[in-house]
PDB file of all heavy atoms in Angstrom:
ATOM      1  N   ARG A   1     162.154   0.294 -43.636  1.00  0.00           N
ATOM      2  CA  ARG A   1     163.221  -0.666 -43.919  1.00  0.00           C
ATOM      3  C   ARG A   1     162.996  -1.293 -45.297  1.00  0.00           C
ATOM      4  O   ARG A   1     161.933  -1.819 -45.572  1.00  0.00           O
ATOM      5  CB  ARG A   1     163.256  -1.746 -42.844  1.00  0.00           C
ATOM      6  CG  ARG A   1     164.415  -2.719 -42.982  1.00  0.00           C
ATOM      7  CD  ARG A   1     164.350  -3.801 -41.907  1.00  0.00           C
ATOM      8  NE  ARG A   1     164.449  -3.234 -40.589  1.00  0.00           N
ATOM      9  CZ  ARG A   1     165.594  -3.048 -39.929  1.00  0.00           C
ATOM     10  NH1 ARG A   1     166.722  -3.400 -40.481  1.00  0.00           N
ATOM     11  NH2 ARG A   1     165.588  -2.531 -38.723  1.00  0.00           N
ATOM     12  N   PRO A   2     164.011  -1.268 -46.162  1.00  0.00           N
ATOM     13  CA  PRO A   2     163.870  -1.920 -47.462  1.00  0.00           C
ATOM     14  C   PRO A   2     163.606  -3.421 -47.286  1.00  0.00           C
ATOM     15  O   PRO A   2     164.100  -4.046 -46.343  1.00  0.00           O
ATOM     16  CB  PRO A   2     165.228  -1.696 -48.135  1.00  0.00           C
ATOM     17  CG  PRO A   2     165.826  -0.534 -47.407  1.00  0.00           C
ATOM     18  CD  PRO A   2     165.303  -0.608 -46.004  1.00  0.00           C
ATOM     19  N   VAL A   3     162.827  -3.980 -48.187  1.00  0.00           N
ATOM     20  CA  VAL A   3     162.448  -5.391 -48.106  1.00  0.00           C
ATOM     21  C   VAL A   3     163.681  -6.282 -48.007  1.00  0.00           C
ATOM     22  O   VAL A   3     163.710  -7.241 -47.226  1.00  0.00           O
ATOM     23  CB  VAL A   3     161.585  -5.788 -49.331  1.00  0.00           C
ATOM     24  CG1 VAL A   3     161.303  -7.281 -49.346  1.00  0.00           C
ATOM     25  CG2 VAL A   3     160.299  -4.996 -49.344  1.00  0.00           C
ATOM     26  N   GLU A   4     164.719  -5.959 -48.762  1.00  0.00           N
ATOM     27  CA  GLU A   4     165.926  -6.806 -48.752  1.00  0.00           C
ATOM     28  C   GLU A   4     166.671  -6.753 -47.418  1.00  0.00           C
ATOM     29  O   GLU A   4     167.537  -7.581 -47.145  1.00  0.00           O
ATOM     30  CB  GLU A   4     166.867  -6.453 -49.909  1.00  0.00           C
ATOM     31  CG  GLU A   4     167.471  -5.065 -49.844  1.00  0.00           C
ATOM     32  CD  GLU A   4     166.620  -3.981 -50.496  1.00  0.00           C
ATOM     33  OE1 GLU A   4     165.422  -4.202 -50.774  1.00  0.00           O
ATOM     34  OE2 GLU A   4     167.171  -2.878 -50.710  1.00  0.00           O
ATOM     35  N   LEU A   5     166.320  -5.806 -46.564  1.00  0.00           N
ATOM     36  CA  LEU A   5     166.952  -5.711 -45.252  1.00  0.00           C
ATOM     37  C   LEU A   5     165.988  -6.086 -44.120  1.00  0.00           C
ATOM     38  O   LEU A   5     166.238  -5.784 -42.960  1.00  0.00           O
ATOM     39  CB  LEU A   5     167.475  -4.293 -45.024  1.00  0.00           C
ATOM     40  CG  LEU A   5     168.553  -3.817 -46.001  1.00  0.00           C
ATOM     41  CD1 LEU A   5     168.924  -2.368 -45.721  1.00  0.00           C
ATOM     42  CD2 LEU A   5     169.774  -4.715 -45.955  1.00  0.00           C
ATOM     43  N   ALA A   6     164.904  -6.758 -44.470  1.00  0.00           N
ATOM     44  CA  ALA A   6     163.907  -7.142 -43.468  1.00  0.00           C
ATOM     45  C   ALA A   6     164.545  -8.024 -42.406  1.00  0.00           C
ATOM     46  O   ALA A   6     165.418  -8.850 -42.687  1.00  0.00           O
ATOM     47  CB  ALA A   6     162.756  -7.879 -44.137  1.00  0.00           C
ATOM     48  N   ARG A   7     164.114  -7.819 -41.177  1.00  0.00           N
ATOM     49  CA  ARG A   7     164.617  -8.646 -40.074  1.00  0.00           C
ATOM     50  C   ARG A   7     164.085 -10.055 -40.209  1.00  0.00           C
ATOM     51  O   ARG A   7     162.925 -10.266 -40.554  1.00  0.00           O
ATOM     52  CB  ARG A   7     164.188  -8.059 -38.736  1.00  0.00           C
ATOM     53  CG  ARG A   7     164.897  -6.791 -38.418  1.00  0.00           C
ATOM     54  CD  ARG A   7     164.569  -6.341 -37.028  1.00  0.00           C
ATOM     55  NE  ARG A   7     165.351  -5.167 -36.722  1.00  0.00           N
ATOM     56  CZ  ARG A   7     165.310  -4.535 -35.581  1.00  0.00           C
ATOM     57  NH1 ARG A   7     164.508  -4.957 -34.634  1.00  0.00           N
ATOM     58  NH2 ARG A   7     166.050  -3.486 -35.363  1.00  0.00           N
ATOM     59  N   THR A   8     164.950 -10.993 -39.909  1.00  0.00           N
ATOM     60  CA  THR A   8     164.550 -12.398 -39.918  1.00  0.00           C
ATOM     61  C   THR A   8     165.007 -13.019 -38.616  1.00  0.00           C
ATOM     62  O   THR A   8     165.830 -12.463 -37.898  1.00  0.00           O
ATOM     63  CB  THR A   8     165.177 -13.157 -41.101  1.00  0.00           C
ATOM     64  OG1 THR A   8     166.606 -13.082 -40.992  1.00  0.00           O
ATOM     65  CG2 THR A   8     164.733 -12.569 -42.433  1.00  0.00           C
ATOM     66  N   GLY A   9     164.468 -14.160 -38.294  1.00  0.00           N
ATOM     67  CA  GLY A   9     164.889 -14.845 -37.081  1.00  0.00           C
ATOM     68  C   GLY A   9     164.049 -14.450 -35.892  1.00  0.00           C
ATOM     69  O   GLY A   9     162.994 -13.829 -36.010  1.00  0.00           O
ATOM     70  N   SER A  10     164.551 -14.769 -34.723  1.00  0.00           N
ATOM     71  CA  SER A  10     163.772 -14.583 -33.499  1.00  0.00           C
ATOM     72  C   SER A  10     164.208 -13.351 -32.716  1.00  0.00           C
ATOM     73  O   SER A  10     164.075 -13.310 -31.509  1.00  0.00           O
ATOM     74  CB  SER A  10     163.891 -15.827 -32.617  1.00  0.00           C
ATOM     75  OG  SER A  10     165.256 -16.021 -32.266  1.00  0.00           O
ATOM     76  N   GLY A  11     164.728 -12.346 -33.408  1.00  0.00           N
ATOM     77  CA  GLY A  11     165.150 -11.122 -32.728  1.00  0.00           C
ATOM     78  C   GLY A  11     163.968 -10.355 -32.182  1.00  0.00           C
ATOM     79  O   GLY A  11     162.820 -10.783 -32.267  1.00  0.00           O
ATOM     80  N   ARG A  12     164.245  -9.225 -31.625  1.00  0.00           N
ATOM     81  CA  ARG A  12     163.200  -8.380 -31.045  1.00  0.00           C
ATOM     82  C   ARG A  12     162.195  -7.990 -32.115  1.00  0.00           C
ATOM     83  O   ARG A  12     162.533  -7.387 -33.114  1.00  0.00           O
ATOM     84  CB  ARG A  12     163.830  -7.140 -30.446  1.00  0.00           C
ATOM     85  CG  ARG A  12     162.867  -6.287 -29.669  1.00  0.00           C
ATOM     86  CD  ARG A  12     163.569  -5.050 -29.238  1.00  0.00           C
ATOM     87  NE  ARG A  12     163.788  -4.251 -30.438  1.00  0.00           N
ATOM     88  CZ  ARG A  12     163.717  -2.935 -30.468  1.00  0.00           C
ATOM     89  NH1 ARG A  12     163.501  -2.272 -29.382  1.00  0.00           N
ATOM     90  NH2 ARG A  12     163.907  -2.267 -31.580  1.00  0.00           N
ATOM     91  N   ALA A  13     160.990  -8.339 -31.891  1.00  0.00           N
ATOM     92  CA  ALA A  13     159.929  -8.001 -32.845  1.00  0.00           C
ATOM     93  C   ALA A  13     159.534  -6.543 -32.684  1.00  0.00           C
ATOM     94  O   ALA A  13     159.569  -5.997 -31.591  1.00  0.00           O
ATOM     95  CB  ALA A  13     158.726  -8.901 -32.617  1.00  0.00           C
ATOM     96  N   GLY A  14     159.141  -5.931 -33.786  1.00  0.00           N
ATOM     97  CA  GLY A  14     158.667  -4.560 -33.720  1.00  0.00           C
ATOM     98  C   GLY A  14     157.310  -4.502 -33.049  1.00  0.00           C
ATOM     99  O   GLY A  14     156.571  -5.484 -32.995  1.00  0.00           O
ATOM    100  N   MET A  15     157.001  -3.355 -32.506  1.00  0.00           N
ATOM    101  CA  MET A  15     155.693  -3.166 -31.878  1.00  0.00           C
ATOM    102  C   MET A  15     155.308  -1.710 -31.982  1.00  0.00           C
ATOM    103  O   MET A  15     156.162  -0.856 -32.188  1.00  0.00           O
ATOM    104  CB  MET A  15     155.716  -3.628 -30.428  1.00  0.00           C
ATOM    105  CG  MET A  15     156.573  -2.785 -29.499  1.00  0.00           C
ATOM    106  SD  MET A  15     156.619  -3.372 -27.809  1.00  0.00           S
ATOM    107  CE  MET A  15     157.818  -4.675 -27.955  1.00  0.00           C
ATOM    108  N   THR A  16     154.057  -1.455 -31.838  1.00  0.00           N
ATOM    109  CA  THR A  16     153.582  -0.080 -31.872  1.00  0.00           C
ATOM    110  C   THR A  16     153.822   0.571 -30.512  1.00  0.00           C
ATOM    111  O   THR A  16     154.089  -0.106 -29.510  1.00  0.00           O
ATOM    112  CB  THR A  16     152.082  -0.025 -32.191  1.00  0.00           C
ATOM    113  OG1 THR A  16     151.361  -0.597 -31.090  1.00  0.00           O
ATOM    114  CG2 THR A  16     151.753  -0.743 -33.489  1.00  0.00           C
ATOM    115  N   PHE A  17     153.659   1.877 -30.480  1.00  0.00           N
ATOM    116  CA  PHE A  17     153.779   2.603 -29.223  1.00  0.00           C
ATOM    117  C   PHE A  17     152.769   2.065 -28.207  1.00  0.00           C
ATOM    118  O   PHE A  17     153.111   1.819 -27.049  1.00  0.00           O
ATOM    119  CB  PHE A  17     153.548   4.101 -29.453  1.00  0.00           C
ATOM    120  CG  PHE A  17     153.498   4.883 -28.168  1.00  0.00           C
ATOM    121  CD1 PHE A  17     154.665   5.265 -27.543  1.00  0.00           C
ATOM    122  CD2 PHE A  17     152.292   5.201 -27.580  1.00  0.00           C
ATOM    123  CE1 PHE A  17     154.629   5.958 -26.345  1.00  0.00           C
ATOM    124  CE2 PHE A  17     152.247   5.899 -26.385  1.00  0.00           C
ATOM    125  CZ  PHE A  17     153.418   6.286 -25.768  1.00  0.00           C
ATOM    126  N   ASP A  18     151.519   1.894 -28.648  1.00  0.00           N
ATOM    127  CA  ASP A  18     150.475   1.411 -27.737  1.00  0.00           C
ATOM    128  C   ASP A  18     150.778   0.012 -27.209  1.00  0.00           C
ATOM    129  O   ASP A  18     150.515  -0.274 -26.038  1.00  0.00           O
ATOM    130  CB  ASP A  18     149.113   1.441 -28.425  1.00  0.00           C
ATOM    131  CG  ASP A  18     148.627   2.870 -28.654  1.00  0.00           C
ATOM    132  OD1 ASP A  18     149.018   3.772 -27.883  1.00  0.00           O
ATOM    133  OD2 ASP A  18     147.847   3.073 -29.611  1.00  0.00           O
ATOM    134  N   GLU A  19     151.365  -0.843 -28.050  1.00  0.00           N
ATOM    135  CA  GLU A  19     151.732  -2.188 -27.595  1.00  0.00           C
ATOM    136  C   GLU A  19     152.845  -2.122 -26.550  1.00  0.00           C
ATOM    137  O   GLU A  19     152.789  -2.824 -25.540  1.00  0.00           O
ATOM    138  CB  GLU A  19     152.168  -3.053 -28.782  1.00  0.00           C
ATOM    139  CG  GLU A  19     151.036  -3.441 -29.709  1.00  0.00           C
ATOM    140  CD  GLU A  19     151.517  -4.067 -31.003  1.00  0.00           C
ATOM    141  OE1 GLU A  19     152.661  -3.808 -31.429  1.00  0.00           O
ATOM    142  OE2 GLU A  19     150.725  -4.829 -31.592  1.00  0.00           O
ATOM    143  N   LEU A  20     153.836  -1.287 -26.789  1.00  0.00           N
ATOM    144  CA  LEU A  20     154.920  -1.135 -25.814  1.00  0.00           C
ATOM    145  C   LEU A  20     154.381  -0.606 -24.495  1.00  0.00           C
ATOM    146  O   LEU A  20     154.705  -1.131 -23.423  1.00  0.00           O
ATOM    147  CB  LEU A  20     155.997  -0.197 -26.348  1.00  0.00           C
ATOM    148  CG  LEU A  20     157.113   0.146 -25.363  1.00  0.00           C
ATOM    149  CD1 LEU A  20     157.889  -1.104 -24.970  1.00  0.00           C
ATOM    150  CD2 LEU A  20     158.035   1.200 -25.931  1.00  0.00           C
ATOM    151  N   LYS A  21     153.555   0.426 -24.562  1.00  0.00           N
ATOM    152  CA  LYS A  21     152.975   1.008 -23.349  1.00  0.00           C
ATOM    153  C   LYS A  21     152.165  -0.032 -22.589  1.00  0.00           C
ATOM    154  O   LYS A  21     152.303  -0.167 -21.357  1.00  0.00           O
ATOM    155  CB  LYS A  21     152.100   2.200 -23.721  1.00  0.00           C
ATOM    156  CG  LYS A  21     151.509   2.936 -22.544  1.00  0.00           C
ATOM    157  CD  LYS A  21     150.757   4.180 -23.028  1.00  0.00           C
ATOM    158  CE  LYS A  21     150.175   4.948 -21.880  1.00  0.00           C
ATOM    159  NZ  LYS A  21     148.871   4.475 -21.463  1.00  0.00           N
ATOM    160  N   ALA A  22     151.357  -0.809 -23.292  1.00  0.00           N
ATOM    161  CA  ALA A  22     150.543  -1.840 -22.642  1.00  0.00           C
ATOM    162  C   ALA A  22     151.421  -2.910 -21.996  1.00  0.00           C
ATOM    163  O   ALA A  22     151.141  -3.362 -20.880  1.00  0.00           O
ATOM    164  CB  ALA A  22     149.595  -2.478 -23.659  1.00  0.00           C
ATOM    165  N   ARG A  23     152.497  -3.305 -22.668  1.00  0.00           N
ATOM    166  CA  ARG A  23     153.400  -4.309 -22.089  1.00  0.00           C
ATOM    167  C   ARG A  23     154.076  -3.790 -20.825  1.00  0.00           C
ATOM    168  O   ARG A  23     154.232  -4.517 -19.849  1.00  0.00           O
ATOM    169  CB  ARG A  23     154.457  -4.727 -23.108  1.00  0.00           C
ATOM    170  CG  ARG A  23     153.947  -5.627 -24.184  1.00  0.00           C
ATOM    171  CD  ARG A  23     155.079  -6.101 -25.065  1.00  0.00           C
ATOM    172  NE  ARG A  23     154.587  -6.866 -26.186  1.00  0.00           N
ATOM    173  CZ  ARG A  23     155.359  -7.484 -27.046  1.00  0.00           C
ATOM    174  NH1 ARG A  23     156.680  -7.409 -26.934  1.00  0.00           N
ATOM    175  NH2 ARG A  23     154.841  -8.167 -28.040  1.00  0.00           N
ATOM    176  N   MET A  24     154.496  -2.531 -20.862  1.00  0.00           N
ATOM    177  CA  MET A  24     155.144  -1.957 -19.681  1.00  0.00           C
ATOM    178  C   MET A  24     154.169  -1.855 -18.520  1.00  0.00           C
ATOM    179  O   MET A  24     154.521  -2.164 -17.378  1.00  0.00           O
ATOM    180  CB  MET A  24     155.739  -0.590 -20.028  1.00  0.00           C
ATOM    181  CG  MET A  24     156.921  -0.680 -20.979  1.00  0.00           C
ATOM    182  SD  MET A  24     157.620   0.925 -21.366  1.00  0.00           S
ATOM    183  CE  MET A  24     158.396   1.327 -19.800  1.00  0.00           C
ATOM    184  N   GLU A  25     152.938  -1.446 -18.800  1.00  0.00           N
ATOM    185  CA  GLU A  25     151.926  -1.358 -17.747  1.00  0.00           C
ATOM    186  C   GLU A  25     151.604  -2.741 -17.201  1.00  0.00           C
ATOM    187  O   GLU A  25     151.462  -2.912 -15.982  1.00  0.00           O
ATOM    188  CB  GLU A  25     150.671  -0.673 -18.291  1.00  0.00           C
ATOM    189  CG  GLU A  25     150.882   0.809 -18.524  1.00  0.00           C
ATOM    190  CD  GLU A  25     149.737   1.480 -19.264  1.00  0.00           C
ATOM    191  OE1 GLU A  25     148.954   0.790 -19.962  1.00  0.00           O
ATOM    192  OE2 GLU A  25     149.638   2.718 -19.154  1.00  0.00           O
ATOM    193  N   ALA A  26     151.520  -3.739 -18.072  1.00  0.00           N
ATOM    194  CA  ALA A  26     151.249  -5.115 -17.628  1.00  0.00           C
ATOM    195  C   ALA A  26     152.374  -5.649 -16.752  1.00  0.00           C
ATOM    196  O   ALA A  26     152.144  -6.481 -15.881  1.00  0.00           O
ATOM    197  CB  ALA A  26     151.041  -6.027 -18.845  1.00  0.00           C
ATOM    198  N   ALA A  27     153.582  -5.127 -16.964  1.00  0.00           N
ATOM    199  CA  ALA A  27     154.731  -5.539 -16.151  1.00  0.00           C
ATOM    200  C   ALA A  27     154.803  -4.761 -14.843  1.00  0.00           C
ATOM    201  O   ALA A  27     155.729  -4.947 -14.053  1.00  0.00           O
ATOM    202  CB  ALA A  27     156.025  -5.361 -16.947  1.00  0.00           C
ATOM    203  N   GLY A  28     153.836  -3.864 -14.614  1.00  0.00           N
ATOM    204  CA  GLY A  28     153.785  -3.145 -13.345  1.00  0.00           C
ATOM    205  C   GLY A  28     154.456  -1.792 -13.344  1.00  0.00           C
ATOM    206  O   GLY A  28     154.615  -1.179 -12.288  1.00  0.00           O
ATOM    207  N   HIS A  29     154.862  -1.293 -14.498  1.00  0.00           N
ATOM    208  CA  HIS A  29     155.514   0.018 -14.563  1.00  0.00           C
ATOM    209  C   HIS A  29     154.477   1.127 -14.654  1.00  0.00           C
ATOM    210  O   HIS A  29     153.461   0.990 -15.325  1.00  0.00           O
ATOM    211  CB  HIS A  29     156.434   0.096 -15.788  1.00  0.00           C
ATOM    212  CG  HIS A  29     157.587  -0.843 -15.732  1.00  0.00           C
ATOM    213  ND1 HIS A  29     158.693  -0.613 -14.951  1.00  0.00           N
ATOM    214  CD2 HIS A  29     157.791  -2.033 -16.345  1.00  0.00           C
ATOM    215  CE1 HIS A  29     159.534  -1.614 -15.084  1.00  0.00           C
ATOM    216  NE2 HIS A  29     159.006  -2.494 -15.932  1.00  0.00           N
ATOM    217  N   ASP A  30     154.740   2.221 -13.970  1.00  0.00           N
ATOM    218  CA  ASP A  30     153.916   3.416 -14.087  1.00  0.00           C
ATOM    219  C   ASP A  30     154.415   4.159 -15.316  1.00  0.00           C
ATOM    220  O   ASP A  30     155.457   4.801 -15.283  1.00  0.00           O
ATOM    221  CB  ASP A  30     154.058   4.280 -12.836  1.00  0.00           C
ATOM    222  CG  ASP A  30     153.254   5.565 -12.928  1.00  0.00           C
ATOM    223  OD1 ASP A  30     152.259   5.602 -13.686  1.00  0.00           O
ATOM    224  OD2 ASP A  30     153.636   6.534 -12.255  1.00  0.00           O
ATOM    225  N   VAL A  31     153.705   4.052 -16.402  1.00  0.00           N
ATOM    226  CA  VAL A  31     154.163   4.594 -17.673  1.00  0.00           C
ATOM    227  C   VAL A  31     153.724   6.049 -17.827  1.00  0.00           C
ATOM    228  O   VAL A  31     152.536   6.347 -17.799  1.00  0.00           O
ATOM    229  CB  VAL A  31     153.621   3.749 -18.856  1.00  0.00           C
ATOM    230  CG1 VAL A  31     154.078   4.331 -20.183  1.00  0.00           C
ATOM    231  CG2 VAL A  31     154.060   2.298 -18.718  1.00  0.00           C
ATOM    232  N   GLN A  32     154.708   6.906 -17.963  1.00  0.00           N
ATOM    233  CA  GLN A  32     154.445   8.314 -18.227  1.00  0.00           C
ATOM    234  C   GLN A  32     154.598   8.549 -19.723  1.00  0.00           C
ATOM    235  O   GLN A  32     155.537   8.047 -20.333  1.00  0.00           O
ATOM    236  CB  GLN A  32     155.443   9.195 -17.468  1.00  0.00           C
ATOM    237  CG  GLN A  32     155.429   9.002 -15.970  1.00  0.00           C
ATOM    238  CD  GLN A  32     154.110   9.432 -15.352  1.00  0.00           C
ATOM    239  OE1 GLN A  32     153.575  10.472 -15.718  1.00  0.00           O
ATOM    240  NE2 GLN A  32     153.585   8.626 -14.462  1.00  0.00           N
ATOM    241  N   VAL A  33     153.690   9.300 -20.299  1.00  0.00           N
ATOM    242  CA  VAL A  33     153.765   9.630 -21.715  1.00  0.00           C
ATOM    243  C   VAL A  33     154.097  11.110 -21.832  1.00  0.00           C
ATOM    244  O   VAL A  33     153.430  11.955 -21.229  1.00  0.00           O
ATOM    245  CB  VAL A  33     152.442   9.308 -22.444  1.00  0.00           C
ATOM    246  CG1 VAL A  33     152.508   9.744 -23.904  1.00  0.00           C
ATOM    247  CG2 VAL A  33     152.128   7.820 -22.337  1.00  0.00           C
ATOM    248  N   ALA A  34     155.133  11.423 -22.574  1.00  0.00           N
ATOM    249  CA  ALA A  34     155.570  12.801 -22.732  1.00  0.00           C
ATOM    250  C   ALA A  34     154.562  13.589 -23.556  1.00  0.00           C
ATOM    251  O   ALA A  34     153.989  13.079 -24.517  1.00  0.00           O
ATOM    252  CB  ALA A  34     156.938  12.835 -23.412  1.00  0.00           C
ATOM    253  N   ASP A  35     154.372  14.821 -23.175  1.00  0.00           N
ATOM    254  CA  ASP A  35     153.564  15.754 -23.946  1.00  0.00           C
ATOM    255  C   ASP A  35     154.501  16.340 -25.007  1.00  0.00           C
ATOM    256  O   ASP A  35     155.361  17.172 -24.703  1.00  0.00           O
ATOM    257  CB  ASP A  35     153.017  16.847 -23.031  1.00  0.00           C
ATOM    258  CG  ASP A  35     152.177  17.881 -23.753  1.00  0.00           C
ATOM    259  OD1 ASP A  35     152.441  18.163 -24.950  1.00  0.00           O
ATOM    260  OD2 ASP A  35     151.260  18.424 -23.117  1.00  0.00           O
ATOM    261  N   LEU A  36     154.351  15.903 -26.248  1.00  0.00           N
ATOM    262  CA  LEU A  36     155.288  16.288 -27.299  1.00  0.00           C
ATOM    263  C   LEU A  36     155.253  17.783 -27.598  1.00  0.00           C
ATOM    264  O   LEU A  36     156.298  18.372 -27.898  1.00  0.00           O
ATOM    265  CB  LEU A  36     155.022  15.480 -28.567  1.00  0.00           C
ATOM    266  CG  LEU A  36     155.255  13.973 -28.439  1.00  0.00           C
ATOM    267  CD1 LEU A  36     155.000  13.294 -29.777  1.00  0.00           C
ATOM    268  CD2 LEU A  36     156.645  13.664 -27.927  1.00  0.00           C
ATOM    269  N   ASP A  37     154.095  18.414 -27.495  1.00  0.00           N
ATOM    270  CA  ASP A  37     154.028  19.858 -27.730  1.00  0.00           C
ATOM    271  C   ASP A  37     154.799  20.617 -26.653  1.00  0.00           C
ATOM    272  O   ASP A  37     155.551  21.543 -26.948  1.00  0.00           O
ATOM    273  CB  ASP A  37     152.576  20.336 -27.772  1.00  0.00           C
ATOM    274  CG  ASP A  37     151.840  19.855 -29.011  1.00  0.00           C
ATOM    275  OD1 ASP A  37     152.496  19.636 -30.054  1.00  0.00           O
ATOM    276  OD2 ASP A  37     150.606  19.687 -28.940  1.00  0.00           O
ATOM    277  N   GLU A  38     154.623  20.215 -25.398  1.00  0.00           N
ATOM    278  CA  GLU A  38     155.342  20.866 -24.298  1.00  0.00           C
ATOM    279  C   GLU A  38     156.838  20.611 -24.435  1.00  0.00           C
ATOM    280  O   GLU A  38     157.650  21.514 -24.222  1.00  0.00           O
ATOM    281  CB  GLU A  38     154.813  20.336 -22.955  1.00  0.00           C
ATOM    282  CG  GLU A  38     155.383  21.046 -21.742  1.00  0.00           C
ATOM    283  CD  GLU A  38     156.718  20.489 -21.292  1.00  0.00           C
ATOM    284  OE1 GLU A  38     156.949  19.270 -21.456  1.00  0.00           O
ATOM    285  OE2 GLU A  38     157.539  21.277 -20.784  1.00  0.00           O
ATOM    286  N   LEU A  39     157.214  19.387 -24.811  1.00  0.00           N
ATOM    287  CA  LEU A  39     158.625  19.057 -24.977  1.00  0.00           C
ATOM    288  C   LEU A  39     159.231  19.877 -26.115  1.00  0.00           C
ATOM    289  O   LEU A  39     160.355  20.374 -26.001  1.00  0.00           O
ATOM    290  CB  LEU A  39     158.785  17.562 -25.242  1.00  0.00           C
ATOM    291  CG  LEU A  39     160.203  17.025 -25.282  1.00  0.00           C
ATOM    292  CD1 LEU A  39     160.944  17.322 -23.987  1.00  0.00           C
ATOM    293  CD2 LEU A  39     160.186  15.524 -25.555  1.00  0.00           C
TER     294      LEU A  39
END
C-alpha cells in the first residue's frame, strides 16, 4: 500500500497469517491450513 493511502483510524488492523491462525484457535476454532502445493 502506498504511504499516501495508509489506513488510518480504528478500522480492522492488519495481521500476519500466524496471528490470524492464533486468534482463530484462541476463539475455539479448529483451524485447518491448506497444503498449497497440493492445492
